[in-house]
Amino acid sequence: MDQTVVNGSIAAAVGNGTAGGIPGLESDTNWTTAVVAHVDLTPVLSPFESWQKVLIVLVIGICMVLTITGNILVLVSFIVDRTIRQPSNYFIASLAATDMLIGKAIVIM
């Protein structure tokens, strides 16, 4: 198969002179079929306006800060106040620690 590039398009010549592409059936004339794949090089535009991007970043940033701060407060209250150290509250402290670590990992990325 021969390939040539013409005006940003790739043209590939296929065919070997057989009739209808069936091996063993030769035609009277040689023929070539050109397959053209056009390459579109136009830039992709953003689906959001600038003010929408700023608003999305602010909302996500506020959510991350609130998530980390709230989980830190839960862990600090669990460590400081001995009366809430019941077996059922260890599960809540574990969830708060895990959620805080996931929130920090998202901030870092």
PDB file of N, CA and C in Angstrom:
ATOM      1  N   MET A   1       0.851  -1.168   0.000  1.00  0.00           N
ATOM      2  CA  MET A   1       0.000   0.000   0.000  1.00  0.00           C
ATOM      3  C   MET A   1       0.897   1.230   0.000  1.00  0.00           C
ATOM      4  N   ASP A   2       0.710   2.140  -0.947  1.00  0.00           N
ATOM      5  CA  ASP A   2       1.485   3.369  -1.041  1.00  0.00           C
ATOM      6  C   ASP A   2       0.717   4.482  -0.356  1.00  0.00           C
ATOM      7  N   GLN A   3       1.442   5.332   0.414  1.00  0.00           N
ATOM      8  CA  GLN A   3       0.798   6.464   1.082  1.00  0.00           C
ATOM      9  C   GLN A   3       1.468   7.746   0.630  1.00  0.00           C
ATOM     10  N   THR A   4       0.659   8.755   0.355  1.00  0.00           N
ATOM     11  CA  THR A   4       1.171  10.076   0.028  1.00  0.00           C
ATOM     12  C   THR A   4       0.403  11.105   0.840  1.00  0.00           C
ATOM     13  N   VAL A   5       1.049  12.231   1.116  1.00  0.00           N
ATOM     14  CA  VAL A   5       0.405  13.310   1.855  1.00  0.00           C
ATOM     15  C   VAL A   5       0.166  14.464   0.899  1.00  0.00           C
ATOM     16  N   VAL A   6      -1.110  14.877   0.783  1.00  0.00           N
ATOM     17  CA  VAL A   6      -1.486  15.954  -0.116  1.00  0.00           C
ATOM     18  C   VAL A   6      -2.342  16.938   0.667  1.00  0.00           C
ATOM     19  N   ASN A   7      -1.865  18.163   0.848  1.00  0.00           N
ATOM     20  CA  ASN A   7      -2.615  19.235   1.502  1.00  0.00           C
ATOM     21  C   ASN A   7      -3.152  18.820   2.876  1.00  0.00           C
ATOM     22  N   GLY A   8      -2.357  18.195   3.688  1.00  0.00           N
ATOM     23  CA  GLY A   8      -2.785  17.813   5.030  1.00  0.00           C
ATOM     24  C   GLY A   8      -3.621  16.560   5.068  1.00  0.00           C
ATOM     25  N   SER A   9      -3.816  15.880   3.934  1.00  0.00           N
ATOM     26  CA  SER A   9      -4.577  14.648   3.898  1.00  0.00           C
ATOM     27  C   SER A   9      -3.641  13.500   3.573  1.00  0.00           C
ATOM     28  N   ILE A  10      -3.972  12.339   4.058  1.00  0.00           N
ATOM     29  CA  ILE A  10      -3.176  11.157   3.780  1.00  0.00           C
ATOM     30  C   ILE A  10      -3.937  10.324   2.757  1.00  0.00           C
ATOM     31  N   ALA A  11      -3.311  10.079   1.630  1.00  0.00           N
ATOM     32  CA  ALA A  11      -3.937   9.269   0.591  1.00  0.00           C
ATOM     33  C   ALA A  11      -3.200   7.946   0.520  1.00  0.00           C
ATOM     34  N   ALA A  12      -3.932   6.852   0.605  1.00  0.00           N
ATOM     35  CA  ALA A  12      -3.331   5.526   0.540  1.00  0.00           C
ATOM     36  C   ALA A  12      -3.880   4.812  -0.680  1.00  0.00           C
ATOM     37  N   ALA A  13      -2.996   4.374  -1.543  1.00  0.00           N
ATOM     38  CA  ALA A  13      -3.421   3.650  -2.737  1.00  0.00           C
ATOM     39  C   ALA A  13      -3.466   2.175  -2.416  1.00  0.00           C
ATOM     40  N   VAL A  14      -4.624   1.556  -2.637  1.00  0.00           N
ATOM     41  CA  VAL A  14      -4.778   0.127  -2.381  1.00  0.00           C
ATOM     42  C   VAL A  14      -5.234  -0.551  -3.655  1.00  0.00           C
ATOM     43  N   GLY A  15      -4.954  -1.809  -3.767  1.00  0.00           N
ATOM     44  CA  GLY A  15      -5.363  -2.568  -4.945  1.00  0.00           C
ATOM     45  C   GLY A  15      -4.145  -3.152  -5.628  1.00  0.00           C
ATOM     46  N   ASN A  16      -4.346  -4.292  -6.241  1.00  0.00           N
ATOM     47  CA  ASN A  16      -3.223  -4.935  -6.891  1.00  0.00           C
ATOM     48  C   ASN A  16      -3.566  -5.363  -8.313  1.00  0.00           C
ATOM     49  N   GLY A  17      -4.571  -4.774  -8.896  1.00  0.00           N
ATOM     50  CA  GLY A  17      -4.924  -5.102 -10.267  1.00  0.00           C
ATOM     51  C   GLY A  17      -5.875  -6.264 -10.393  1.00  0.00           C
ATOM     52  N   THR A  18      -6.420  -6.750  -9.289  1.00  0.00           N
ATOM     53  CA  THR A  18      -7.372  -7.852  -9.382  1.00  0.00           C
ATOM     54  C   THR A  18      -8.768  -7.301  -9.562  1.00  0.00           C
ATOM     55  N   ALA A  19      -9.637  -8.077 -10.095  1.00  0.00           N
ATOM     56  CA  ALA A  19     -11.008  -7.639 -10.362  1.00  0.00           C
ATOM     57  C   ALA A  19     -11.823  -7.736  -9.091  1.00  0.00           C
ATOM     58  N   GLY A  20     -12.309  -6.599  -8.618  1.00  0.00           N
ATOM     59  CA  GLY A  20     -13.175  -6.587  -7.450  1.00  0.00           C
ATOM     60  C   GLY A  20     -12.485  -6.980  -6.167  1.00  0.00           C
ATOM     61  N   GLY A  21     -11.178  -6.983  -6.165  1.00  0.00           N
ATOM     62  CA  GLY A  21     -10.455  -7.342  -4.954  1.00  0.00           C
ATOM     63  C   GLY A  21     -10.437  -8.833  -4.698  1.00  0.00           C
ATOM     64  N   ILE A  22     -10.895  -9.653  -5.674  1.00  0.00           N
ATOM     65  CA  ILE A  22     -10.914 -11.106  -5.506  1.00  0.00           C
ATOM     66  C   ILE A  22      -9.611 -11.662  -6.056  1.00  0.00           C
ATOM     67  N   PRO A  23      -8.827 -12.313  -5.235  1.00  0.00           N
ATOM     68  CA  PRO A  23      -7.551 -12.850  -5.716  1.00  0.00           C
ATOM     69  C   PRO A  23      -7.782 -13.893  -6.804  1.00  0.00           C
ATOM     70  N   GLY A  24      -6.942 -13.857  -7.814  1.00  0.00           N
ATOM     71  CA  GLY A  24      -7.033 -14.842  -8.881  1.00  0.00           C
ATOM     72  C   GLY A  24      -7.843 -14.401 -10.069  1.00  0.00           C
ATOM     73  N   LEU A  25      -8.681 -13.384  -9.927  1.00  0.00           N
ATOM     74  CA  LEU A  25      -9.467 -12.871 -11.048  1.00  0.00           C
ATOM     75  C   LEU A  25      -8.820 -11.594 -11.551  1.00  0.00           C
ATOM     76  N   GLU A  26      -8.114 -11.685 -12.628  1.00  0.00           N
ATOM     77  CA  GLU A  26      -7.427 -10.536 -13.197  1.00  0.00           C
ATOM     78  C   GLU A  26      -8.372  -9.787 -14.121  1.00  0.00           C
ATOM     79  N   SER A  27      -8.293  -8.461 -14.080  1.00  0.00           N
ATOM     80  CA  SER A  27      -9.102  -7.650 -14.989  1.00  0.00           C
ATOM     81  C   SER A  27      -8.248  -7.228 -16.176  1.00  0.00           C
ATOM     82  N   ASP A  28      -8.896  -6.612 -17.157  1.00  0.00           N
ATOM     83  CA  ASP A  28      -8.174  -6.182 -18.341  1.00  0.00           C
ATOM     84  C   ASP A  28      -7.328  -4.947 -18.077  1.00  0.00           C
ATOM     85  N   THR A  29      -7.721  -4.115 -17.113  1.00  0.00           N
ATOM     86  CA  THR A  29      -6.991  -2.883 -16.842  1.00  0.00           C
ATOM     87  C   THR A  29      -6.505  -2.880 -15.398  1.00  0.00           C
ATOM     88  N   ASN A  30      -5.442  -2.169 -15.153  1.00  0.00           N
ATOM     89  CA  ASN A  30      -4.965  -1.969 -13.785  1.00  0.00           C
ATOM     90  C   ASN A  30      -5.780  -0.841 -13.164  1.00  0.00           C
ATOM     91  N   TRP A  31      -6.133  -0.964 -11.941  1.00  0.00           N
ATOM     92  CA  TRP A  31      -6.906   0.063 -11.267  1.00  0.00           C
ATOM     93  C   TRP A  31      -6.323   0.280  -9.872  1.00  0.00           C
ATOM     94  N   THR A  32      -6.585   1.441  -9.322  1.00  0.00           N
ATOM     95  CA  THR A  32      -6.116   1.799  -7.990  1.00  0.00           C
ATOM     96  C   THR A  32      -7.235   2.556  -7.295  1.00  0.00           C
ATOM     97  N   THR A  33      -7.498   2.199  -6.065  1.00  0.00           N
ATOM     98  CA  THR A  33      -8.501   2.894  -5.265  1.00  0.00           C
ATOM     99  C   THR A  33      -7.766   3.764  -4.264  1.00  0.00           C
ATOM    100  N   ALA A  34      -8.136   5.009  -4.167  1.00  0.00           N
ATOM    101  CA  ALA A  34      -7.490   5.933  -3.233  1.00  0.00           C
ATOM    102  C   ALA A  34      -8.371   6.089  -1.996  1.00  0.00           C
ATOM    103  N   VAL A  35      -7.780   5.871  -0.849  1.00  0.00           N
ATOM    104  CA  VAL A  35      -8.462   6.082   0.420  1.00  0.00           C
ATOM    105  C   VAL A  35      -7.871   7.344   1.014  1.00  0.00           C
ATOM    106  N   VAL A  36      -8.699   8.349   1.258  1.00  0.00           N
ATOM    107  CA  VAL A  36      -8.217   9.634   1.750  1.00  0.00           C
ATOM    108  C   VAL A  36      -8.764   9.853   3.151  1.00  0.00           C
ATOM    109  N   ALA A  37      -7.854  10.069   4.094  1.00  0.00           N
ATOM    110  CA  ALA A  37      -8.244  10.398   5.462  1.00  0.00           C
ATOM    111  C   ALA A  37      -7.803  11.832   5.718  1.00  0.00           C
ATOM    112  N   HIS A  38      -8.760  12.715   5.950  1.00  0.00           N
ATOM    113  CA  HIS A  38      -8.445  14.123   6.175  1.00  0.00           C
ATOM    114  C   HIS A  38      -8.073  14.335   7.639  1.00  0.00           C
ATOM    115  N   VAL A  39      -6.976  15.041   7.878  1.00  0.00           N
ATOM    116  CA  VAL A  39      -6.512  15.341   9.225  1.00  0.00           C
ATOM    117  C   VAL A  39      -6.912  16.774   9.538  1.00  0.00           C
ATOM    118  N   ASP A  40      -7.786  16.920  10.547  1.00  0.00           N
ATOM    119  CA  ASP A  40      -8.263  18.245  10.934  1.00  0.00           C
ATOM    120  C   ASP A  40      -7.344  18.796  12.018  1.00  0.00           C
ATOM    121  N   LEU A  41      -6.674  19.917  11.741  1.00  0.00           N
ATOM    122  CA  LEU A  41      -5.712  20.487  12.671  1.00  0.00           C
ATOM    123  C   LEU A  41      -6.200  21.779  13.319  1.00  0.00           C
ATOM    124  N   THR A  42      -7.518  21.982  13.381  1.00  0.00           N
ATOM    125  CA  THR A  42      -8.039  23.187  14.008  1.00  0.00           C
ATOM    126  C   THR A  42      -8.013  23.012  15.524  1.00  0.00           C
ATOM    127  N   PRO A  43      -7.726  24.082  16.274  1.00  0.00           N
ATOM    128  CA  PRO A  43      -7.673  23.973  17.736  1.00  0.00           C
ATOM    129  C   PRO A  43      -9.055  23.749  18.332  1.00  0.00           C
ATOM    130  N   VAL A  44      -9.104  23.006  19.428  1.00  0.00           N
ATOM    131  CA  VAL A  44     -10.359  22.736  20.123  1.00  0.00           C
ATOM    132  C   VAL A  44     -10.595  23.864  21.113  1.00  0.00           C
ATOM    133  N   LEU A  45     -11.771  24.463  21.068  1.00  0.00           N
ATOM    134  CA  LEU A  45     -12.099  25.565  21.958  1.00  0.00           C
ATOM    135  C   LEU A  45     -12.675  25.026  23.263  1.00  0.00           C
ATOM    136  N   SER A  46     -12.454  25.755  24.335  1.00  0.00           N
ATOM    137  CA  SER A  46     -12.966  25.370  25.638  1.00  0.00           C
ATOM    138  C   SER A  46     -14.481  25.554  25.671  1.00  0.00           C
ATOM    139  N   PRO A  47     -15.200  24.621  26.334  1.00  0.00           N
ATOM    140  CA  PRO A  47     -16.652  24.764  26.397  1.00  0.00           C
ATOM    141  C   PRO A  47     -17.112  25.791  27.427  1.00  0.00           C
ATOM    142  N   PHE A  48     -16.194  26.327  28.247  1.00  0.00           N
ATOM    143  CA  PHE A  48     -16.557  27.265  29.296  1.00  0.00           C
ATOM    144  C   PHE A  48     -15.964  28.641  29.026  1.00  0.00           C
ATOM    145  N   GLU A  49     -16.683  29.661  29.469  1.00  0.00           N
ATOM    146  CA  GLU A  49     -16.175  31.030  29.434  1.00  0.00           C
ATOM    147  C   GLU A  49     -15.166  31.196  30.572  1.00  0.00           C
ATOM    148  N   SER A  50     -14.407  32.278  30.541  1.00  0.00           N
ATOM    149  CA  SER A  50     -13.381  32.512  31.565  1.00  0.00           C
ATOM    150  C   SER A  50     -13.992  32.657  32.954  1.00  0.00           C
ATOM    151  N   TRP A  51     -15.096  33.376  33.074  1.00  0.00           N
ATOM    152  CA  TRP A  51     -15.710  33.571  34.383  1.00  0.00           C
ATOM    153  C   TRP A  51     -16.268  32.257  34.919  1.00  0.00           C
ATOM    154  N   GLN A  52     -16.711  31.365  34.030  1.00  0.00           N
ATOM    155  CA  GLN A  52     -17.205  30.066  34.472  1.00  0.00           C
ATOM    156  C   GLN A  52     -16.070  29.196  35.000  1.00  0.00           C
ATOM    157  N   LYS A  53     -14.913  29.265  34.348  1.00  0.00           N
ATOM    158  CA  LYS A  53     -13.750  28.519  34.820  1.00  0.00           C
ATOM    159  C   LYS A  53     -13.341  28.987  36.217  1.00  0.00           C
ATOM    160  N   VAL A  54     -13.313  30.303  36.420  1.00  0.00           N
ATOM    161  CA  VAL A  54     -12.940  30.861  37.723  1.00  0.00           C
ATOM    162  C   VAL A  54     -13.942  30.415  38.788  1.00  0.00           C
ATOM    163  N   LEU A  55     -15.231  30.436  38.465  1.00  0.00           N
ATOM    164  CA  LEU A  55     -16.264  30.032  39.415  1.00  0.00           C
ATOM    165  C   LEU A  55     -16.128  28.551  39.769  1.00  0.00           C
ATOM    166  N   ILE A  56     -15.875  27.702  38.801  1.00  0.00           N
ATOM    167  CA  ILE A  56     -15.721  26.265  39.048  1.00  0.00           C
ATOM    168  C   ILE A  56     -14.513  26.006  39.942  1.00  0.00           C
ATOM    169  N   VAL A  57     -13.400  26.675  39.656  1.00  0.00           N
ATOM    170  CA  VAL A  57     -12.190  26.491  40.471  1.00  0.00           C
ATOM    171  C   VAL A  57     -12.428  26.959  41.902  1.00  0.00           C
ATOM    172  N   LEU A  58     -13.131  28.082  42.080  1.00  0.00           N
ATOM    173  CA  LEU A  58     -13.413  28.576  43.428  1.00  0.00           C
ATOM    174  C   LEU A  58     -14.315  27.624  44.204  1.00  0.00           C
ATOM    175  N   VAL A  59     -15.348  27.105  43.578  1.00  0.00           N
ATOM    176  CA  VAL A  59     -16.267  26.195  44.267  1.00  0.00           C
ATOM    177  C   VAL A  59     -15.546  24.900  44.663  1.00  0.00           C
ATOM    178  N   ILE A  60     -14.771  24.343  43.758  1.00  0.00           N
ATOM    179  CA  ILE A  60     -14.044  23.108  44.073  1.00  0.00           C
ATOM    180  C   ILE A  60     -13.001  23.375  45.157  1.00  0.00           C
ATOM    181  N   GLY A  61     -12.318  24.512  45.092  1.00  0.00           N
ATOM    182  CA  GLY A  61     -11.335  24.856  46.121  1.00  0.00           C
ATOM    183  C   GLY A  61     -11.965  25.015  47.497  1.00  0.00           C
ATOM    184  N   ILE A  62     -13.122  25.676  47.554  1.00  0.00           N
ATOM    185  CA  ILE A  62     -13.823  25.842  48.835  1.00  0.00           C
ATOM    186  C   ILE A  62     -14.255  24.488  49.386  1.00  0.00           C
ATOM    187  N   CYS A  63     -14.740  23.607  48.512  1.00  0.00           N
ATOM    188  CA  CYS A  63     -15.140  22.267  48.965  1.00  0.00           C
ATOM    189  C   CYS A  63     -13.956  21.489  49.528  1.00  0.00           C
ATOM    190  N   MET A  64     -12.801  21.575  48.892  1.00  0.00           N
ATOM    191  CA  MET A  64     -11.619  20.864  49.392  1.00  0.00           C
ATOM    192  C   MET A  64     -11.168  21.411  50.742  1.00  0.00           C
ATOM    193  N   VAL A  65     -11.161  22.733  50.879  1.00  0.00           N
ATOM    194  CA  VAL A  65     -10.735  23.337  52.144  1.00  0.00           C
ATOM    195  C   VAL A  65     -11.698  22.967  53.264  1.00  0.00           C
ATOM    196  N   LEU A  66     -12.999  23.004  52.988  1.00  0.00           N
ATOM    197  CA  LEU A  66     -13.990  22.635  54.004  1.00  0.00           C
ATOM    198  C   LEU A  66     -13.876  21.160  54.378  1.00  0.00           C
ATOM    199  N   THR A  67     -13.613  20.306  53.413  1.00  0.00           N
ATOM    200  CA  THR A  67     -13.479  18.876  53.689  1.00  0.00           C
ATOM    201  C   THR A  67     -12.293  18.605  54.599  1.00  0.00           C
ATOM    202  N   ILE A  68     -11.163  19.186  54.270  1.00  0.00           N
ATOM    203  CA  ILE A  68      -9.960  18.957  55.082  1.00  0.00           C
ATOM    204  C   ILE A  68     -10.116  19.565  56.472  1.00  0.00           C
ATOM    205  N   THR A  69     -10.637  20.777  56.545  1.00  0.00           N
ATOM    206  CA  THR A  69     -10.802  21.463  57.836  1.00  0.00           C
ATOM    207  C   THR A  69     -11.794  20.716  58.727  1.00  0.00           C
ATOM    208  N   GLY A  70     -12.913  20.295  58.162  1.00  0.00           N
ATOM    209  CA  GLY A  70     -13.913  19.565  58.954  1.00  0.00           C
ATOM    210  C   GLY A  70     -13.383  18.250  59.488  1.00  0.00           C
ATOM    211  N   ASN A  71     -12.640  17.528  58.678  1.00  0.00           N
ATOM    212  CA  ASN A  71     -12.083  16.259  59.138  1.00  0.00           C
ATOM    213  C   ASN A  71     -11.008  16.456  60.194  1.00  0.00           C
ATOM    214  N   ILE A  72     -10.222  17.511  60.056  1.00  0.00           N
ATOM    215  CA  ILE A  72      -9.230  17.814  61.091  1.00  0.00           C
ATOM    216  C   ILE A  72      -9.930  18.144  62.413  1.00  0.00           C
ATOM    217  N   LEU A  73     -11.034  18.890  62.346  1.00  0.00           N
ATOM    218  CA  LEU A  73     -11.775  19.211  63.576  1.00  0.00           C
ATOM    219  C   LEU A  73     -12.349  17.955  64.229  1.00  0.00           C
ATOM    220  N   VAL A  74     -12.843  17.019  63.440  1.00  0.00           N
ATOM    221  CA  VAL A  74     -13.361  15.768  63.995  1.00  0.00           C
ATOM    222  C   VAL A  74     -12.243  14.995  64.685  1.00  0.00           C
ATOM    223  N   LEU A  75     -11.075  14.910  64.042  1.00  0.00           N
ATOM    224  CA  LEU A  75      -9.964  14.181  64.644  1.00  0.00           C
ATOM    225  C   LEU A  75      -9.442  14.863  65.905  1.00  0.00           C
ATOM    226  N   VAL A  76      -9.375  16.189  65.890  1.00  0.00           N
ATOM    227  CA  VAL A  76      -8.901  16.919  67.081  1.00  0.00           C
ATOM    228  C   VAL A  76      -9.883  16.727  68.233  1.00  0.00           C
ATOM    229  N   SER A  77     -11.171  16.799  67.942  1.00  0.00           N
ATOM    230  CA  SER A  77     -12.150  16.596  69.019  1.00  0.00           C
ATOM    231  C   SER A  77     -12.100  15.167  69.553  1.00  0.00           C
ATOM    232  N   PHE A  78     -11.824  14.206  68.700  1.00  0.00           N
ATOM    233  CA  PHE A  78     -11.709  12.810  69.142  1.00  0.00           C
ATOM    234  C   PHE A  78     -10.479  12.621  70.030  1.00  0.00           C
ATOM    235  N   ILE A  79      -9.392  13.307  69.690  1.00  0.00           N
ATOM    236  CA  ILE A  79      -8.157  13.169  70.474  1.00  0.00           C
ATOM    237  C   ILE A  79      -8.256  13.920  71.807  1.00  0.00           C
ATOM    238  N   VAL A  80      -8.841  15.121  71.806  1.00  0.00           N
ATOM    239  CA  VAL A  80      -8.856  15.979  72.996  1.00  0.00           C
ATOM    240  C   VAL A  80      -9.883  15.502  74.025  1.00  0.00           C
ATOM    241  N   ASP A  81     -11.098  15.201  73.598  1.00  0.00           N
ATOM    242  CA  ASP A  81     -12.176  14.854  74.528  1.00  0.00           C
ATOM    243  C   ASP A  81     -12.207  13.340  74.744  1.00  0.00           C
ATOM    244  N   ARG A  82     -11.885  12.914  75.962  1.00  0.00           N
ATOM    245  CA  ARG A  82     -11.819  11.480  76.247  1.00  0.00           C
ATOM    246  C   ARG A  82     -13.206  10.849  76.372  1.00  0.00           C
ATOM    247  N   THR A  83     -14.221  11.638  76.604  1.00  0.00           N
ATOM    248  CA  THR A  83     -15.555  11.053  76.802  1.00  0.00           C
ATOM    249  C   THR A  83     -16.163  10.531  75.493  1.00  0.00           C
ATOM    250  N   ILE A  84     -15.692  11.020  74.365  1.00  0.00           N
ATOM    251  CA  ILE A  84     -16.256  10.537  73.102  1.00  0.00           C
ATOM    252  C   ILE A  84     -15.463   9.369  72.513  1.00  0.00           C
ATOM    253  N   ARG A  85     -14.495   8.865  73.258  1.00  0.00           N
ATOM    254  CA  ARG A  85     -13.702   7.722  72.772  1.00  0.00           C
ATOM    255  C   ARG A  85     -14.434   6.406  73.068  1.00  0.00           C
ATOM    256  N   GLN A  86     -15.570   6.259  72.468  1.00  0.00           N
ATOM    257  CA  GLN A  86     -16.335   5.026  72.554  1.00  0.00           C
ATOM    258  C   GLN A  86     -15.993   4.162  71.341  1.00  0.00           C
ATOM    259  N   PRO A  87     -16.219   2.840  71.433  1.00  0.00           N
ATOM    260  CA  PRO A  87     -15.893   1.978  70.288  1.00  0.00           C
ATOM    261  C   PRO A  87     -16.581   2.388  68.982  1.00  0.00           C
ATOM    262  N   SER A  88     -17.792   2.881  69.043  1.00  0.00           N
ATOM    263  CA  SER A  88     -18.484   3.291  67.815  1.00  0.00           C
ATOM    264  C   SER A  88     -17.881   4.563  67.219  1.00  0.00           C
ATOM    265  N   ASN A  89     -17.297   5.400  68.043  1.00  0.00           N
ATOM    266  CA  ASN A  89     -16.703   6.644  67.550  1.00  0.00           C
ATOM    267  C   ASN A  89     -15.326   6.427  66.922  1.00  0.00           C
ATOM    268  N   TYR A  90     -14.689   5.298  67.192  1.00  0.00           N
ATOM    269  CA  TYR A  90     -13.431   4.990  66.519  1.00  0.00           C
ATOM    270  C   TYR A  90     -13.657   4.843  65.013  1.00  0.00           C
ATOM    271  N   PHE A  91     -14.813   4.313  64.650  1.00  0.00           N
ATOM    272  CA  PHE A  91     -15.154   4.184  63.229  1.00  0.00           C
ATOM    273  C   PHE A  91     -15.291   5.566  62.587  1.00  0.00           C
ATOM    274  N   ILE A  92     -15.911   6.497  63.282  1.00  0.00           N
ATOM    275  CA  ILE A  92     -16.072   7.859  62.761  1.00  0.00           C
ATOM    276  C   ILE A  92     -14.705   8.536  62.627  1.00  0.00           C
ATOM    277  N   ALA A  93     -13.825   8.333  63.612  1.00  0.00           N
ATOM    278  CA  ALA A  93     -12.485   8.922  63.542  1.00  0.00           C
ATOM    279  C   ALA A  93     -11.694   8.316  62.388  1.00  0.00           C
ATOM    280  N   SER A  94     -11.862   7.019  62.172  1.00  0.00           N
ATOM    281  CA  SER A  94     -11.175   6.376  61.053  1.00  0.00           C
ATOM    282  C   SER A  94     -11.670   6.925  59.718  1.00  0.00           C
ATOM    283  N   LEU A  95     -12.970   7.098  59.584  1.00  0.00           N
ATOM    284  CA  LEU A  95     -13.528   7.680  58.362  1.00  0.00           C
ATOM    285  C   LEU A  95     -13.048   9.112  58.151  1.00  0.00           C
ATOM    286  N   ALA A  96     -12.956   9.885  59.229  1.00  0.00           N
ATOM    287  CA  ALA A  96     -12.485  11.268  59.112  1.00  0.00           C
ATOM    288  C   ALA A  96     -11.027  11.301  58.667  1.00  0.00           C
ATOM    289  N   ALA A  97     -10.207  10.397  59.204  1.00  0.00           N
ATOM    290  CA  ALA A  97      -8.800  10.363  58.807  1.00  0.00           C
ATOM    291  C   ALA A  97      -8.654   9.977  57.342  1.00  0.00           C
ATOM    292  N   THR A  98      -9.408   8.982  56.919  1.00  0.00           N
ATOM    293  CA  THR A  98      -9.349   8.556  55.527  1.00  0.00           C
ATOM    294  C   THR A  98      -9.834   9.656  54.589  1.00  0.00           C
ATOM    295  N   ASP A  99     -10.924  10.294  54.939  1.00  0.00           N
ATOM    296  CA  ASP A  99     -11.467  11.370  54.109  1.00  0.00           C
ATOM    297  C   ASP A  99     -10.504  12.545  54.038  1.00  0.00           C
ATOM    298  N   MET A 100      -9.833  12.853  55.144  1.00  0.00           N
ATOM    299  CA  MET A 100      -8.858  13.947  55.142  1.00  0.00           C
ATOM    300  C   MET A 100      -7.675  13.619  54.234  1.00  0.00           C
ATOM    301  N   LEU A 101      -7.193  12.378  54.293  1.00  0.00           N
ATOM    302  CA  LEU A 101      -6.067  11.992  53.439  1.00  0.00           C
ATOM    303  C   LEU A 101      -6.449  12.014  51.962  1.00  0.00           C
ATOM    304  N   ILE A 102      -7.655  11.605  51.644  1.00  0.00           N
ATOM    305  CA  ILE A 102      -8.112  11.656  50.253  1.00  0.00           C
ATOM    306  C   ILE A 102      -8.251  13.107  49.805  1.00  0.00           C
ATOM    307  N   GLY A 103      -8.767  13.969  50.688  1.00  0.00           N
ATOM    308  CA  GLY A 103      -8.878  15.386  50.361  1.00  0.00           C
ATOM    309  C   GLY A 103      -7.514  16.019  50.113  1.00  0.00           C
ATOM    310  N   LYS A 104      -6.522  15.650  50.913  1.00  0.00           N
ATOM    311  CA  LYS A 104      -5.169  16.180  50.712  1.00  0.00           C
ATOM    312  C   LYS A 104      -4.563  15.653  49.421  1.00  0.00           C
ATOM    313  N   ALA A 105      -4.832  14.405  49.106  1.00  0.00           N
ATOM    314  CA  ALA A 105      -4.299  13.841  47.850  1.00  0.00           C
ATOM    315  C   ALA A 105      -4.889  14.555  46.641  1.00  0.00           C
ATOM    316  N   ILE A 106      -6.151  14.945  46.720  1.00  0.00           N
ATOM    317  CA  ILE A 106      -6.781  15.675  45.626  1.00  0.00           C
ATOM    318  C   ILE A 106      -6.182  17.077  45.503  1.00  0.00           C
ATOM    319  N   VAL A 107      -5.888  17.710  46.611  1.00  0.00           N
ATOM    320  CA  VAL A 107      -5.295  19.049  46.585  1.00  0.00           C
ATOM    321  C   VAL A 107      -3.915  18.993  45.965  1.00  0.00           C
ATOM    322  N   ILE A 108      -3.153  17.954  46.283  1.00  0.00           N
ATOM    323  CA  ILE A 108      -1.796  17.832  45.762  1.00  0.00           C
ATOM    324  C   ILE A 108      -1.822  17.603  44.252  1.00  0.00           C
ATOM    325  N   MET A 109      -2.771  16.808  43.778  1.00  0.00           N
ATOM    326  CA  MET A 109      -2.842  16.526  42.351  1.00  0.00           C
ATOM    327  C   MET A 109      -3.324  17.749  41.652  1.00  0.00           C
TER     328      MET A 109
END
